[in-house]
N, C-alpha and C. Protein backbone atom coordinates (compact mmCIF):
# COMPACT_ATOMS: atom_id res chain seq x y z
N MET A 1 45.92 -5.22 -20.10
CA MET A 1 46.43 -5.43 -18.83
C MET A 1 46.72 -6.92 -18.55
N ASN A 2 47.67 -7.05 -17.63
CA ASN A 2 47.91 -8.43 -17.30
C ASN A 2 46.89 -8.96 -16.35
N ARG A 3 46.73 -10.34 -16.44
CA ARG A 3 45.72 -11.00 -15.54
C ARG A 3 46.25 -11.08 -14.08
N THR A 4 47.41 -11.16 -13.82
CA THR A 4 47.89 -11.27 -12.40
C THR A 4 48.83 -10.14 -12.03
N LEU A 5 48.81 -9.46 -10.97
CA LEU A 5 49.62 -8.38 -10.55
C LEU A 5 50.58 -9.14 -9.45
N VAL A 6 51.84 -8.94 -9.62
CA VAL A 6 52.82 -9.28 -8.65
C VAL A 6 53.58 -8.18 -8.09
N LEU A 7 53.57 -8.10 -6.78
CA LEU A 7 54.13 -6.86 -6.10
C LEU A 7 55.44 -7.36 -5.16
N LEU A 8 56.46 -6.53 -5.19
CA LEU A 8 57.48 -6.86 -4.13
C LEU A 8 57.56 -5.61 -3.18
N ASP A 9 57.08 -5.59 -2.02
CA ASP A 9 57.03 -4.45 -1.17
C ASP A 9 56.35 -3.22 -1.80
N GLY A 10 55.39 -3.51 -2.59
CA GLY A 10 54.50 -2.43 -3.34
C GLY A 10 55.04 -2.12 -4.64
N ILE A 11 56.16 -2.65 -5.04
CA ILE A 11 56.64 -2.34 -6.40
C ILE A 11 56.41 -3.45 -7.36
N THR A 12 55.84 -3.17 -8.58
CA THR A 12 55.34 -4.06 -9.54
C THR A 12 56.56 -4.88 -10.06
N VAL A 13 56.31 -6.20 -10.17
CA VAL A 13 57.34 -7.16 -10.80
C VAL A 13 56.74 -7.48 -12.12
N TYR A 14 57.44 -6.88 -13.19
CA TYR A 14 56.87 -7.05 -14.62
C TYR A 14 57.08 -8.50 -15.17
N ASN A 15 58.12 -9.16 -14.75
CA ASN A 15 58.30 -10.51 -15.30
C ASN A 15 58.62 -11.50 -14.10
N PRO A 16 57.64 -11.88 -13.51
CA PRO A 16 57.86 -12.77 -12.34
C PRO A 16 58.16 -14.21 -12.49
N THR A 17 58.57 -14.68 -13.66
CA THR A 17 58.90 -15.98 -13.94
C THR A 17 60.39 -15.97 -14.15
N HIS A 18 60.97 -17.04 -13.80
CA HIS A 18 62.40 -17.35 -13.96
C HIS A 18 62.59 -18.75 -14.48
N ALA A 19 63.14 -18.85 -15.66
CA ALA A 19 63.43 -20.11 -16.31
C ALA A 19 62.25 -20.81 -16.52
N PHE A 20 61.17 -20.24 -17.03
CA PHE A 20 59.83 -20.77 -17.38
C PHE A 20 59.19 -21.25 -16.00
N GLY A 21 59.41 -20.64 -14.93
CA GLY A 21 58.71 -20.97 -13.74
C GLY A 21 59.36 -22.03 -12.93
N PHE A 22 60.54 -22.64 -13.47
CA PHE A 22 61.20 -23.81 -12.85
C PHE A 22 61.85 -23.32 -11.62
N PHE A 23 62.45 -22.17 -11.52
CA PHE A 23 63.18 -21.63 -10.34
C PHE A 23 62.24 -20.48 -9.84
N SER A 24 62.46 -20.32 -8.49
CA SER A 24 61.70 -19.14 -7.75
C SER A 24 62.20 -17.79 -8.21
N THR A 25 61.34 -16.88 -8.29
CA THR A 25 61.77 -15.51 -8.59
C THR A 25 62.31 -14.78 -7.28
N PHE A 26 61.77 -15.16 -6.24
CA PHE A 26 62.14 -14.57 -4.96
C PHE A 26 62.90 -15.51 -4.06
N ASN A 27 63.99 -14.98 -3.49
CA ASN A 27 64.75 -15.76 -2.56
C ASN A 27 64.02 -15.93 -1.23
N ASN A 28 63.71 -17.11 -0.92
CA ASN A 28 62.86 -17.44 0.28
C ASN A 28 63.43 -17.02 1.59
N ASP A 29 64.71 -16.78 1.70
CA ASP A 29 65.42 -16.31 2.89
C ASP A 29 65.04 -14.89 3.25
N VAL A 30 64.63 -14.10 2.34
CA VAL A 30 64.25 -12.65 2.60
C VAL A 30 62.81 -12.45 2.51
N VAL A 31 61.91 -13.38 2.14
CA VAL A 31 60.46 -13.07 2.09
C VAL A 31 59.96 -13.30 3.53
N ASP A 32 59.03 -12.28 3.97
CA ASP A 32 58.47 -12.27 5.28
C ASP A 32 57.16 -12.66 5.13
N ASP A 33 56.33 -12.22 4.15
CA ASP A 33 54.94 -12.74 4.01
C ASP A 33 54.41 -12.57 2.68
N LEU A 34 53.35 -13.23 2.45
CA LEU A 34 52.74 -13.35 1.12
C LEU A 34 51.30 -13.12 1.34
N THR A 35 50.71 -12.24 0.52
CA THR A 35 49.26 -12.18 0.49
C THR A 35 48.71 -12.34 -0.89
N LEU A 36 47.85 -13.29 -1.10
CA LEU A 36 47.32 -13.59 -2.42
C LEU A 36 45.83 -13.39 -2.39
N TYR A 37 45.44 -12.43 -3.23
CA TYR A 37 44.00 -12.15 -3.44
C TYR A 37 43.59 -12.80 -4.72
N LYS A 38 42.75 -13.74 -4.69
CA LYS A 38 42.36 -14.47 -5.81
C LYS A 38 40.95 -13.90 -6.36
N GLY A 39 40.33 -13.03 -5.70
CA GLY A 39 39.20 -12.35 -6.17
C GLY A 39 38.76 -11.40 -5.17
N ALA A 40 37.97 -10.41 -5.58
CA ALA A 40 37.53 -9.43 -4.64
C ALA A 40 38.75 -8.69 -3.93
N TYR A 41 39.73 -8.25 -4.68
CA TYR A 41 40.80 -7.60 -4.07
C TYR A 41 40.56 -6.05 -3.87
N PRO A 42 41.19 -5.37 -3.10
CA PRO A 42 41.01 -3.98 -2.82
C PRO A 42 41.15 -3.19 -4.26
N ALA A 43 40.49 -2.04 -4.32
CA ALA A 43 40.54 -1.16 -5.44
C ALA A 43 41.90 -0.64 -5.73
N THR A 44 42.82 -0.65 -4.76
CA THR A 44 44.10 -0.01 -5.02
C THR A 44 44.89 -0.89 -5.91
N TYR A 45 44.51 -2.13 -6.08
CA TYR A 45 45.20 -3.01 -7.04
C TYR A 45 44.55 -3.11 -8.37
N GLY A 46 43.58 -2.26 -8.62
CA GLY A 46 42.69 -2.37 -9.75
C GLY A 46 43.30 -2.50 -11.13
N GLY A 47 42.55 -2.83 -12.00
CA GLY A 47 43.00 -3.01 -13.46
C GLY A 47 43.51 -4.39 -13.75
N ARG A 48 43.32 -5.37 -13.03
CA ARG A 48 43.71 -6.77 -13.17
C ARG A 48 42.58 -7.70 -13.36
N LEU A 49 42.56 -8.67 -14.17
CA LEU A 49 41.64 -9.62 -14.36
C LEU A 49 41.59 -10.79 -13.45
N GLY A 50 42.79 -11.13 -13.04
CA GLY A 50 43.04 -12.32 -12.26
C GLY A 50 43.26 -12.12 -10.87
N ALA A 51 44.41 -12.42 -10.36
CA ALA A 51 44.77 -12.31 -8.97
C ALA A 51 45.83 -11.22 -8.66
N VAL A 52 46.07 -11.05 -7.36
CA VAL A 52 47.10 -10.13 -6.93
C VAL A 52 47.96 -10.86 -5.89
N LEU A 53 49.24 -10.97 -6.20
CA LEU A 53 50.33 -11.63 -5.22
C LEU A 53 51.16 -10.48 -4.65
N ASP A 54 51.05 -10.15 -3.43
CA ASP A 54 51.80 -9.07 -2.71
C ASP A 54 52.86 -9.79 -1.76
N VAL A 55 54.12 -9.68 -2.16
CA VAL A 55 55.21 -10.25 -1.38
C VAL A 55 55.83 -9.23 -0.50
N GLY A 56 55.99 -9.47 0.78
CA GLY A 56 56.75 -8.56 1.70
C GLY A 56 58.00 -9.08 2.05
N LEU A 57 59.02 -8.16 2.12
CA LEU A 57 60.43 -8.53 2.35
C LEU A 57 60.60 -8.56 3.97
N ARG A 58 61.41 -9.43 4.45
CA ARG A 58 61.79 -9.36 5.78
C ARG A 58 62.82 -8.34 6.10
N ARG A 59 62.66 -7.50 7.15
CA ARG A 59 63.48 -6.57 7.67
C ARG A 59 64.61 -7.13 8.52
N PRO A 60 65.78 -6.48 8.41
CA PRO A 60 66.96 -6.92 9.44
C PRO A 60 66.45 -6.66 10.84
N GLU A 61 66.61 -7.61 11.78
CA GLU A 61 66.25 -7.44 13.19
C GLU A 61 67.19 -7.26 14.10
N SER A 62 68.45 -7.74 13.87
CA SER A 62 69.42 -7.57 14.99
C SER A 62 70.55 -6.78 14.38
N SER A 63 71.46 -6.30 15.28
CA SER A 63 72.69 -5.57 14.95
C SER A 63 73.79 -6.50 14.60
N GLU A 64 73.64 -7.68 14.70
CA GLU A 64 74.74 -8.71 14.27
C GLU A 64 74.86 -8.80 12.76
N THR A 65 76.00 -9.15 12.40
CA THR A 65 76.22 -9.61 10.93
C THR A 65 76.01 -11.05 10.81
N ARG A 66 75.20 -11.42 9.88
CA ARG A 66 74.76 -12.88 9.68
C ARG A 66 74.87 -13.15 8.37
N GLY A 67 75.04 -14.54 7.97
CA GLY A 67 75.20 -14.91 6.66
C GLY A 67 74.57 -16.27 6.56
N LYS A 68 74.16 -16.74 5.43
CA LYS A 68 73.60 -17.92 5.06
C LYS A 68 73.92 -18.34 3.63
N ILE A 69 74.16 -19.57 3.43
CA ILE A 69 74.60 -20.04 2.04
C ILE A 69 73.67 -21.49 1.94
N GLY A 70 73.12 -21.52 0.69
CA GLY A 70 72.30 -22.68 0.32
C GLY A 70 72.71 -23.16 -0.95
N VAL A 71 72.94 -24.47 -1.14
CA VAL A 71 73.37 -25.03 -2.40
C VAL A 71 72.65 -26.29 -2.67
N SER A 72 72.10 -26.45 -4.00
CA SER A 72 71.43 -27.67 -4.29
C SER A 72 72.12 -28.12 -5.63
N LEU A 73 71.57 -29.03 -6.27
CA LEU A 73 72.17 -29.63 -7.49
C LEU A 73 72.00 -28.67 -8.64
N ILE A 74 70.90 -27.84 -8.65
CA ILE A 74 70.74 -26.97 -9.68
C ILE A 74 70.69 -25.46 -9.44
N ALA A 75 70.90 -25.04 -8.25
CA ALA A 75 70.88 -23.72 -7.77
C ALA A 75 71.66 -23.42 -6.57
N ALA A 76 71.91 -22.13 -6.32
CA ALA A 76 72.60 -21.77 -5.06
C ALA A 76 72.06 -20.34 -4.65
N ARG A 77 72.18 -20.10 -3.39
CA ARG A 77 71.74 -18.82 -2.90
C ARG A 77 72.63 -18.35 -1.68
N VAL A 78 72.66 -17.03 -1.63
CA VAL A 78 73.58 -16.40 -0.50
C VAL A 78 72.78 -15.38 0.01
N LEU A 79 72.97 -15.08 1.48
CA LEU A 79 72.28 -14.03 2.16
C LEU A 79 73.20 -13.60 3.12
N GLU A 80 73.34 -12.17 3.23
CA GLU A 80 74.12 -11.53 4.29
C GLU A 80 73.38 -10.30 4.84
N ARG A 81 73.35 -10.23 6.10
CA ARG A 81 72.63 -9.12 6.80
C ARG A 81 73.70 -8.38 7.63
N ALA A 82 73.72 -7.16 7.59
CA ALA A 82 74.87 -6.47 8.25
C ALA A 82 74.44 -5.03 8.59
N ASN A 83 75.05 -4.28 9.54
CA ASN A 83 75.02 -2.92 9.87
C ASN A 83 75.74 -2.12 8.73
N VAL A 84 75.37 -0.90 8.58
CA VAL A 84 75.97 -0.07 7.52
C VAL A 84 76.57 1.22 8.15
N ARG A 85 77.53 1.17 8.98
CA ARG A 85 78.32 2.40 9.50
C ARG A 85 77.47 3.16 10.45
N HIS A 86 76.21 2.81 10.57
CA HIS A 86 75.32 3.65 11.59
C HIS A 86 74.63 2.72 12.29
N PRO A 87 74.53 2.92 13.72
CA PRO A 87 73.85 1.80 14.45
C PRO A 87 72.38 1.50 14.20
N GLU A 88 71.66 2.47 13.53
CA GLU A 88 70.31 2.21 13.09
C GLU A 88 70.14 1.80 11.73
N ALA A 89 71.13 1.71 10.87
CA ALA A 89 70.99 1.46 9.44
C ALA A 89 71.36 0.00 9.37
N ARG A 90 70.66 -0.80 8.67
CA ARG A 90 70.93 -2.15 8.34
C ARG A 90 70.76 -2.48 6.88
N ALA A 91 71.43 -3.38 6.38
CA ALA A 91 71.27 -3.75 4.93
C ALA A 91 71.24 -5.34 4.88
N THR A 92 70.51 -5.79 3.89
CA THR A 92 70.30 -7.13 3.55
C THR A 92 70.70 -7.32 1.99
N LEU A 93 71.65 -8.33 1.70
CA LEU A 93 72.02 -8.65 0.46
C LEU A 93 71.61 -10.07 0.15
N ALA A 94 70.88 -10.38 -0.93
CA ALA A 94 70.50 -11.76 -1.16
C ALA A 94 70.77 -11.94 -2.71
N GLU A 95 71.28 -13.17 -2.94
CA GLU A 95 71.60 -13.49 -4.34
C GLU A 95 71.09 -14.93 -4.56
N THR A 96 70.58 -15.16 -5.75
CA THR A 96 70.11 -16.49 -6.16
C THR A 96 70.77 -16.81 -7.61
N GLY A 97 71.31 -17.84 -7.60
CA GLY A 97 71.84 -18.29 -9.07
C GLY A 97 71.45 -19.55 -9.49
N ALA A 98 71.17 -19.77 -10.75
CA ALA A 98 70.56 -20.96 -11.25
C ALA A 98 71.55 -21.56 -12.22
């Protein structure tokens, strides 16, 4: 078993490093909350020797279409939130490139 369990909305992330840890695996524009259990974590996460990192995604809040672009010297990211043909359905698209 791995030493650390990384979850994204309850789904296991098997390779949570990107470019040897130099770039973030998760786009920070869509992360809502982080829970880090360094020890004595709940039994539902069992089978690990180290820690558990549980990452929760942000849900679209408004019915407006919104976008965001971020550019740095070594990476870029794009975020778009929009309705999907139904007033109650919303979608978020996030992309990070290095």
